[in-house]
Amino acid sequence: MIAVVGAGLMGAATAWELARRGHEVTLIEAYEIGHRHGSSHGSSRIFRRVYGEKLYVELTGRAHELWRELEHDSATPLLRITGGLDFGAGRDPVGLSEVLGKSRVPCELLGAEAASERWPHITFDGPVLYQPDAGVIDADRTVAACVRRAAEHGADVRTGVRVTGFDVGQKVALRTDDGRELTADTAVIAAGAWLPDLRLPLSLPKLTVTQQQVFHFPQRDPSVPWPTLVFKDEAMQIYGLPSGADGGPLPAVKVAEHGRGTPTTAGTRTGLVDPASRTRVSGFVRDRLPGLDPGPVAEATCLYTTTEDEDFVLDRHGPLVIVSPCSGQGAKFTPLIGAMAADLATGRAEPHRRFRLDRPA
């Protein structure tokens, strides 16, 4: 039997993948399915192909195929294609276009004037990279679909149960706060921001947990289709995407800072939005996104778990598989991470050297 600890995006996808392969699976979640305490909630996450290195570009391609497979298996639309823009002096659209070109990923490099004609609701002052395969993932629906299909494939789903300890030998015994003990051949640990606090019998790379905030801004023209966007200059890095249900009943765009959160832990986060971040993001919207009203209509917090090198943690140590596709970029890879974790749990594959627990500092 394989136990999966954590039913966020990665744990839910792993349970789905293992169960549909015919394995005996128990999925354990400390809260209810779809809770808002961690990193996997909300109706809008970016899917994008644009990365500065070949490895991640290739992984996004494999992930895209598996998103469509998950949608087919669950009969649920999860990924909506909108196209995406990368711009700003610190983002290097020209260099990114060269990386995509080497991987034969379709893209288009435009000057500021041409981009402004196509997207008059966004202000540009330099080259802009357009990638047509970018889009929006509904994280809430993804978690629900994966858990539902895992159960329909035979998985045992236990909610409101917190794992409190591990006894590791040839197998692993999981102690829980309901007084029960579960023995598994393998345990997949997909605990998100709770991972650093689990006291596992292994050494983890340094993980930093931060509380992030996101803001939703109403469209001035509800009929305008918005792409996803990533902007970076010497002062800030911003991302944006259509909000979905999180932005309320009228069309809105989710805009937030990347990598500028407040250090915290899963157990001590305040859930209070940083007003300085609201001011910075609203200022960016006012200056760069004239198609949006700069007064947010909704806002929320979530957690990032970040490694020093911003690579994933995806490795096996004895009967434990550690799954932490973190650093604010994991959601787009969800079904692929589920497949990779399932391969590690069943011995079908070795971990990628970049994602190992014992990689160089």
Protein backbone atom coordinates (compact mmCIF):
# COMPACT_ATOMS: atom_id res chain seq x y z
CA MET A 1 0.00 0.00 0.00
CA ILE A 2 1.15 3.52 -0.78
CA ALA A 3 0.19 6.39 1.54
CA VAL A 4 0.06 9.95 0.22
CA VAL A 5 0.30 12.67 2.87
CA GLY A 6 -1.32 15.94 1.78
CA ALA A 7 -4.18 16.46 -0.65
CA GLY A 8 -3.13 19.74 -2.20
CA LEU A 9 -2.40 19.89 -5.90
CA MET A 10 0.63 17.59 -5.80
CA GLY A 11 -0.67 15.01 -3.34
CA ALA A 12 -4.03 14.85 -5.07
CA ALA A 13 -2.39 14.40 -8.48
CA THR A 14 -0.08 11.70 -7.11
CA ALA A 15 -2.99 9.81 -5.57
CA TRP A 16 -4.91 10.03 -8.86
CA GLU A 17 -1.94 8.76 -10.87
CA LEU A 18 -1.19 5.88 -8.51
CA ALA A 19 -4.84 4.83 -8.19
CA ARG A 20 -5.48 4.85 -11.92
CA ARG A 21 -2.42 2.62 -12.35
CA GLY A 22 -4.11 0.11 -10.07
CA HIS A 23 -2.14 0.62 -6.85
CA GLU A 24 -3.65 0.50 -3.36
CA VAL A 25 -3.59 4.11 -2.17
CA THR A 26 -4.54 5.93 1.03
CA LEU A 27 -4.67 9.73 0.73
CA ILE A 28 -4.45 11.58 4.07
CA GLU A 29 -5.38 15.26 4.46
CA ALA A 30 -5.28 17.26 7.71
CA TYR A 31 -8.10 19.58 6.61
CA GLU A 32 -11.02 19.23 4.23
CA ILE A 33 -10.45 18.78 0.51
CA GLY A 34 -9.99 22.19 -1.13
CA HIS A 35 -9.05 24.02 2.08
CA ARG A 36 -7.45 27.47 1.92
CA HIS A 37 -4.67 27.11 4.48
CA GLY A 38 -1.81 26.27 2.10
CA SER A 39 -0.68 26.77 -1.48
CA SER A 40 -3.22 24.92 -3.63
CA HIS A 41 -6.44 26.91 -3.45
CA GLY A 42 -8.00 29.37 -5.87
CA SER A 43 -9.45 29.49 -9.36
CA SER A 44 -6.49 31.04 -11.20
CA ARG A 45 -2.90 29.85 -11.60
CA ILE A 46 -0.65 30.52 -14.58
CA PHE A 47 0.24 27.82 -17.05
CA ARG A 48 3.18 28.96 -19.19
CA ARG A 49 5.88 27.51 -21.43
CA VAL A 50 8.35 30.38 -21.02
CA TYR A 51 11.46 29.55 -19.00
CA GLY A 52 15.07 30.57 -19.35
CA GLU A 53 16.37 27.00 -19.51
CA LYS A 54 15.60 23.97 -21.61
CA LEU A 55 14.79 21.61 -18.71
CA TYR A 56 11.75 23.53 -17.54
CA VAL A 57 10.58 24.29 -21.08
CA GLU A 58 10.55 20.56 -21.78
CA LEU A 59 8.75 19.82 -18.51
CA THR A 60 6.00 22.31 -19.38
CA GLY A 61 5.44 20.49 -22.66
CA ARG A 62 5.04 17.15 -20.89
CA ALA A 63 2.79 18.80 -18.29
CA HIS A 64 0.53 20.24 -21.00
CA GLU A 65 -0.08 16.76 -22.43
CA LEU A 66 -0.95 15.41 -18.98
CA TRP A 67 -3.30 18.30 -18.24
CA ARG A 68 -5.34 17.22 -21.24
CA GLU A 69 -5.18 13.61 -20.06
CA LEU A 70 -6.42 14.61 -16.60
CA GLU A 71 -9.22 16.65 -18.14
CA HIS A 72 -10.25 13.67 -20.25
CA ASP A 73 -10.16 11.22 -17.33
CA SER A 74 -12.10 13.55 -15.03
CA ALA A 75 -14.42 15.01 -17.68
CA THR A 76 -13.59 18.41 -16.18
CA PRO A 77 -12.14 21.48 -17.95
CA LEU A 78 -9.11 22.61 -15.93
CA LEU A 79 -6.75 24.53 -18.25
CA ARG A 80 -7.97 27.47 -20.36
CA ILE A 81 -5.58 28.79 -23.00
CA THR A 82 -5.28 32.59 -23.17
CA GLY A 83 -1.78 33.21 -24.52
CA GLY A 84 0.86 34.89 -22.40
CA LEU A 85 3.18 37.91 -22.44
CA ASP A 86 6.66 38.38 -20.99
CA PHE A 87 8.06 41.90 -20.87
CA GLY A 88 10.21 44.33 -18.89
CA ALA A 89 13.96 44.91 -18.99
CA GLY A 90 14.64 42.33 -16.30
CA ARG A 91 12.59 39.65 -18.02
CA ASP A 92 14.77 39.55 -21.19
CA PRO A 93 12.12 38.72 -23.83
CA VAL A 94 14.77 38.42 -26.54
CA GLY A 95 16.80 35.85 -24.61
CA LEU A 96 13.69 33.90 -23.64
CA SER A 97 12.58 33.75 -27.27
CA GLU A 98 15.92 32.18 -28.18
CA VAL A 99 15.49 29.47 -25.53
CA LEU A 100 11.98 28.69 -26.78
CA GLY A 101 13.17 28.65 -30.38
CA LYS A 102 15.80 26.01 -29.57
CA SER A 103 13.05 23.85 -28.06
CA ARG A 104 10.73 24.51 -31.03
CA VAL A 105 8.10 26.11 -28.82
CA PRO A 106 5.98 28.60 -30.81
CA CYS A 107 6.42 32.23 -29.81
CA GLU A 108 6.47 35.73 -31.29
CA LEU A 109 8.77 38.63 -30.42
CA LEU A 110 7.19 42.04 -30.87
CA GLY A 111 8.32 45.63 -30.46
CA ALA A 112 6.54 47.91 -27.98
CA GLU A 113 4.46 49.66 -30.65
CA ALA A 114 3.23 46.44 -32.25
CA ALA A 115 2.41 44.95 -28.86
CA SER A 116 0.49 48.08 -27.85
CA GLU A 117 -1.63 47.82 -30.97
CA ARG A 118 -2.54 44.22 -30.13
CA TRP A 119 -3.00 44.75 -26.38
CA PRO A 120 -3.94 48.46 -25.92
CA HIS A 121 -4.99 47.76 -22.33
CA ILE A 122 -1.33 47.12 -21.37
CA THR A 123 1.56 49.62 -21.50
CA PHE A 124 4.87 48.47 -23.03
CA ASP A 125 8.19 50.27 -23.37
CA GLY A 126 10.39 47.54 -24.83
CA PRO A 127 10.29 44.16 -26.57
CA VAL A 128 7.46 41.76 -25.72
CA LEU A 129 7.44 37.98 -26.03
CA TYR A 130 4.08 36.37 -26.87
CA GLN A 131 3.62 32.65 -26.30
CA PRO A 132 0.27 31.29 -27.48
CA ASP A 133 0.13 28.17 -25.26
CA ALA A 134 -0.04 30.02 -21.93
CA GLY A 135 -3.24 29.93 -19.95
CA VAL A 136 -5.08 29.67 -16.64
CA ILE A 137 -5.39 26.64 -14.38
CA ASP A 138 -8.30 26.28 -11.96
CA ALA A 139 -6.53 24.92 -8.88
CA ASP A 140 -9.70 24.29 -6.85
CA ARG A 141 -11.28 22.24 -9.62
CA THR A 142 -8.02 20.38 -10.19
CA VAL A 143 -7.74 19.24 -6.57
CA ALA A 144 -11.40 18.22 -6.53
CA ALA A 145 -11.11 16.34 -9.83
CA CYS A 146 -7.96 14.47 -8.79
CA VAL A 147 -9.36 13.43 -5.41
CA ARG A 148 -12.68 12.38 -6.91
CA ARG A 149 -11.07 10.30 -9.62
CA ALA A 150 -8.56 8.80 -7.19
CA ALA A 151 -11.47 7.64 -5.03
CA GLU A 152 -13.34 6.32 -8.05
CA HIS A 153 -10.20 4.38 -9.01
CA GLY A 154 -10.22 2.83 -5.52
CA ALA A 155 -8.19 5.16 -3.30
CA ASP A 156 -9.11 5.51 0.39
CA VAL A 157 -9.42 9.25 1.12
CA ARG A 158 -9.14 10.30 4.77
CA THR A 159 -9.77 13.95 5.63
CA GLY A 160 -9.45 15.79 8.94
CA VAL A 161 -6.56 13.48 9.87
CA ARG A 162 -3.12 14.94 10.62
CA VAL A 163 0.04 12.83 10.42
CA THR A 164 2.08 13.44 13.59
CA GLY A 165 5.04 11.13 13.15
CA PHE A 166 6.82 8.47 11.13
CA ASP A 167 8.51 5.22 12.11
CA VAL A 168 10.69 4.24 9.19
CA GLY A 169 12.19 0.84 8.48
CA GLN A 170 11.69 -1.36 5.45
CA LYS A 171 8.16 0.02 5.55
CA VAL A 172 6.84 3.20 7.14
CA ALA A 173 4.33 3.51 9.98
CA LEU A 174 2.45 6.79 10.03
CA ARG A 175 1.10 8.02 13.38
CA THR A 176 -1.95 10.28 13.23
CA ASP A 177 -3.79 12.60 15.61
CA ASP A 178 -6.82 10.32 15.67
CA GLY A 179 -4.78 7.69 17.48
CA ARG A 180 -4.59 5.33 14.55
CA GLU A 181 -1.43 4.02 12.91
CA LEU A 182 -1.16 3.28 9.21
CA THR A 183 1.58 1.06 7.80
CA ALA A 184 2.55 1.57 4.19
CA ASP A 185 5.13 0.09 1.86
CA THR A 186 5.87 3.63 0.69
CA ALA A 187 4.75 7.09 1.88
CA VAL A 188 4.65 10.05 -0.49
CA ILE A 189 5.05 13.26 1.52
CA ALA A 190 3.38 16.16 -0.31
CA ALA A 191 2.81 18.39 2.70
CA GLY A 192 3.62 21.77 1.13
CA ALA A 193 4.52 24.44 3.68
CA TRP A 194 4.14 21.87 6.50
CA LEU A 195 7.06 19.82 5.14
CA PRO A 196 9.81 21.58 7.17
CA ASP A 197 7.90 20.85 10.42
CA LEU A 198 7.38 17.10 9.96
CA ARG A 199 10.64 15.95 11.59
CA LEU A 200 11.34 13.42 8.90
CA PRO A 201 14.33 11.06 9.31
CA LEU A 202 16.25 12.71 6.47
CA SER A 203 17.94 15.98 5.53
CA LEU A 204 15.95 18.42 3.45
CA PRO A 205 17.40 21.24 1.35
CA LYS A 206 16.87 24.61 3.01
CA LEU A 207 13.18 25.55 2.62
CA THR A 208 11.85 29.05 3.25
CA VAL A 209 8.12 29.52 3.78
CA THR A 210 6.62 32.93 2.99
CA GLN A 211 3.14 34.38 3.01
CA GLN A 212 2.28 35.93 -0.34
CA GLN A 213 -0.68 38.10 -1.31
CA VAL A 214 -2.66 38.41 -4.52
CA PHE A 215 -5.06 41.13 -5.69
CA HIS A 216 -7.90 41.12 -8.18
CA PHE A 217 -8.59 44.22 -10.30
CA PRO A 218 -11.78 44.71 -12.34
CA GLN A 219 -11.54 45.10 -16.10
CA ARG A 220 -12.66 48.47 -17.41
CA ASP A 221 -14.03 46.70 -20.49
CA PRO A 222 -15.46 43.31 -19.50
CA SER A 223 -15.41 42.10 -23.12
CA VAL A 224 -11.60 42.34 -23.50
CA PRO A 225 -9.80 38.96 -23.38
CA TRP A 226 -6.72 39.19 -21.17
CA PRO A 227 -3.55 37.13 -21.60
CA THR A 228 -1.38 36.00 -18.73
CA LEU A 229 1.64 38.24 -18.14
CA VAL A 230 5.01 38.21 -16.42
CA PHE A 231 6.86 41.51 -15.94
CA LYS A 232 10.25 42.14 -14.38
CA ASP A 233 12.49 45.18 -14.00
CA GLU A 234 15.11 46.24 -11.47
CA ALA A 235 12.43 47.08 -8.88
CA MET A 236 9.87 44.28 -9.00
CA GLN A 237 8.62 41.09 -10.59
CA ILE A 238 4.87 40.95 -11.26
CA TYR A 239 2.57 38.33 -12.70
CA GLY A 240 -1.02 38.62 -13.84
CA LEU A 241 -3.78 36.42 -15.23
CA PRO A 242 -7.57 36.32 -15.56
CA SER A 243 -9.03 35.87 -12.09
CA GLY A 244 -11.83 33.39 -12.57
CA ALA A 245 -14.25 33.05 -9.68
CA ASP A 246 -11.73 34.47 -7.19
CA GLY A 247 -12.21 37.96 -8.63
CA GLY A 248 -15.96 38.06 -8.11
CA PRO A 249 -18.88 38.04 -10.54
CA LEU A 250 -17.42 40.55 -13.04
CA PRO A 251 -14.29 39.89 -15.16
CA ALA A 252 -11.15 40.73 -13.23
CA VAL A 253 -7.42 40.13 -13.48
CA LYS A 254 -5.30 38.70 -10.67
CA VAL A 255 -2.04 40.64 -10.20
CA ALA A 256 0.65 39.95 -7.61
CA GLU A 257 4.32 40.21 -6.76
CA HIS A 258 6.50 37.17 -7.14
CA GLY A 259 9.03 36.29 -4.47
CA ARG A 260 8.51 39.21 -2.09
CA GLY A 261 6.58 37.59 0.69
CA THR A 262 6.81 37.70 4.48
CA PRO A 263 8.74 34.83 6.15
CA THR A 264 6.43 32.63 8.20
CA THR A 265 5.52 29.01 8.84
CA ALA A 266 2.44 27.01 7.97
CA GLY A 267 1.34 27.21 11.59
CA THR A 268 2.09 30.87 12.30
CA ARG A 269 0.95 32.72 9.16
CA THR A 270 -1.31 35.65 9.92
CA GLY A 271 -3.47 35.60 6.79
CA LEU A 272 -3.35 39.41 6.82
CA VAL A 273 -2.55 41.10 3.52
CA ASP A 274 0.58 43.26 3.54
CA PRO A 275 -0.62 46.83 2.81
CA ALA A 276 2.77 47.76 1.31
CA SER A 277 2.35 45.02 -1.28
CA ARG A 278 -1.17 46.25 -2.05
CA THR A 279 0.24 49.74 -2.64
CA ARG A 280 3.03 48.49 -4.92
CA VAL A 281 0.78 46.23 -6.97
CA SER A 282 -1.95 48.85 -7.30
CA GLY A 283 0.71 51.30 -8.48
CA PHE A 284 1.88 48.83 -11.11
CA VAL A 285 -1.69 48.39 -12.31
CA ARG A 286 -2.19 52.15 -12.49
CA ASP A 287 1.03 52.67 -14.45
CA ARG A 288 1.22 49.56 -16.62
CA LEU A 289 -2.28 48.07 -16.93
CA PRO A 290 -4.62 50.93 -17.93
CA GLY A 291 -7.28 48.41 -18.90
CA LEU A 292 -7.85 47.68 -15.22
CA ASP A 293 -9.30 49.76 -12.40
CA PRO A 294 -6.39 50.11 -9.90
CA GLY A 295 -8.67 49.55 -6.91
CA PRO A 296 -8.69 45.81 -6.05
CA VAL A 297 -12.09 44.18 -5.62
CA ALA A 298 -10.71 41.10 -3.84
CA GLU A 299 -7.48 39.97 -2.23
CA ALA A 300 -6.12 36.85 -0.57
CA THR A 301 -2.99 35.26 0.90
CA CYS A 302 -1.27 31.97 0.22
CA LEU A 303 2.03 30.27 1.06
CA TYR A 304 5.22 29.81 -0.97
CA THR A 305 7.76 27.16 -0.01
CA THR A 306 11.04 28.09 -1.69
CA THR A 307 14.37 26.33 -2.15
CA GLU A 308 17.58 28.35 -2.44
CA ASP A 309 18.08 27.27 -6.07
CA GLU A 310 14.33 27.50 -6.86
CA ASP A 311 14.35 23.92 -8.17
CA PHE A 312 11.88 21.29 -7.03
CA VAL A 313 12.45 18.68 -4.36
CA LEU A 314 11.38 15.34 -5.83
CA ASP A 315 13.33 12.39 -4.50
CA ARG A 316 13.11 9.06 -2.69
CA HIS A 317 14.78 8.19 0.63
CA GLY A 318 14.10 4.59 1.67
CA PRO A 319 10.31 4.14 1.78
CA LEU A 320 9.72 7.92 1.73
CA VAL A 321 9.13 9.99 -1.41
CA ILE A 322 9.45 13.73 -0.85
CA VAL A 323 7.40 15.92 -3.20
CA SER A 324 7.90 19.67 -2.95
CA PRO A 325 7.59 21.31 -6.40
CA CYS A 326 7.92 24.67 -4.81
CA SER A 327 9.28 28.18 -5.27
CA GLY A 328 6.03 29.60 -6.59
CA GLN A 329 6.13 27.74 -9.89
CA GLY A 330 4.78 24.26 -9.23
CA ALA A 331 1.07 24.50 -10.04
CA LYS A 332 1.54 24.43 -13.82
CA PHE A 333 3.30 21.05 -13.52
CA THR A 334 0.65 19.38 -11.32
CA PRO A 335 -0.23 16.24 -13.33
CA LEU A 336 3.40 15.76 -14.38
CA ILE A 337 4.58 15.96 -10.76
CA GLY A 338 1.92 13.39 -9.89
CA ALA A 339 3.29 11.06 -12.56
CA MET A 340 6.92 11.64 -11.52
CA ALA A 341 6.10 11.05 -7.85
CA ALA A 342 4.18 7.89 -8.74
CA ASP A 343 7.19 6.65 -10.70
CA LEU A 344 9.46 7.23 -7.69
CA ALA A 345 6.99 5.54 -5.33
CA THR A 346 6.76 2.44 -7.52
CA GLY A 347 10.42 2.24 -8.50
CA ARG A 348 9.81 2.99 -12.16
CA ALA A 349 12.25 5.91 -12.32
CA GLU A 350 15.21 7.53 -10.61
CA PRO A 351 15.00 11.14 -9.39
CA HIS A 352 16.29 13.88 -11.66
CA ARG A 353 19.68 15.08 -10.38
CA ARG A 354 18.40 18.67 -10.13
CA PHE A 355 15.58 17.64 -7.78
CA ARG A 356 17.48 15.37 -5.39
CA LEU A 357 17.50 15.87 -1.63
CA ASP A 358 21.32 15.86 -1.52
CA ARG A 359 22.03 18.24 -4.38
CA PRO A 360 24.93 20.67 -3.90
CA ALA A 361 24.20 23.82 -1.88
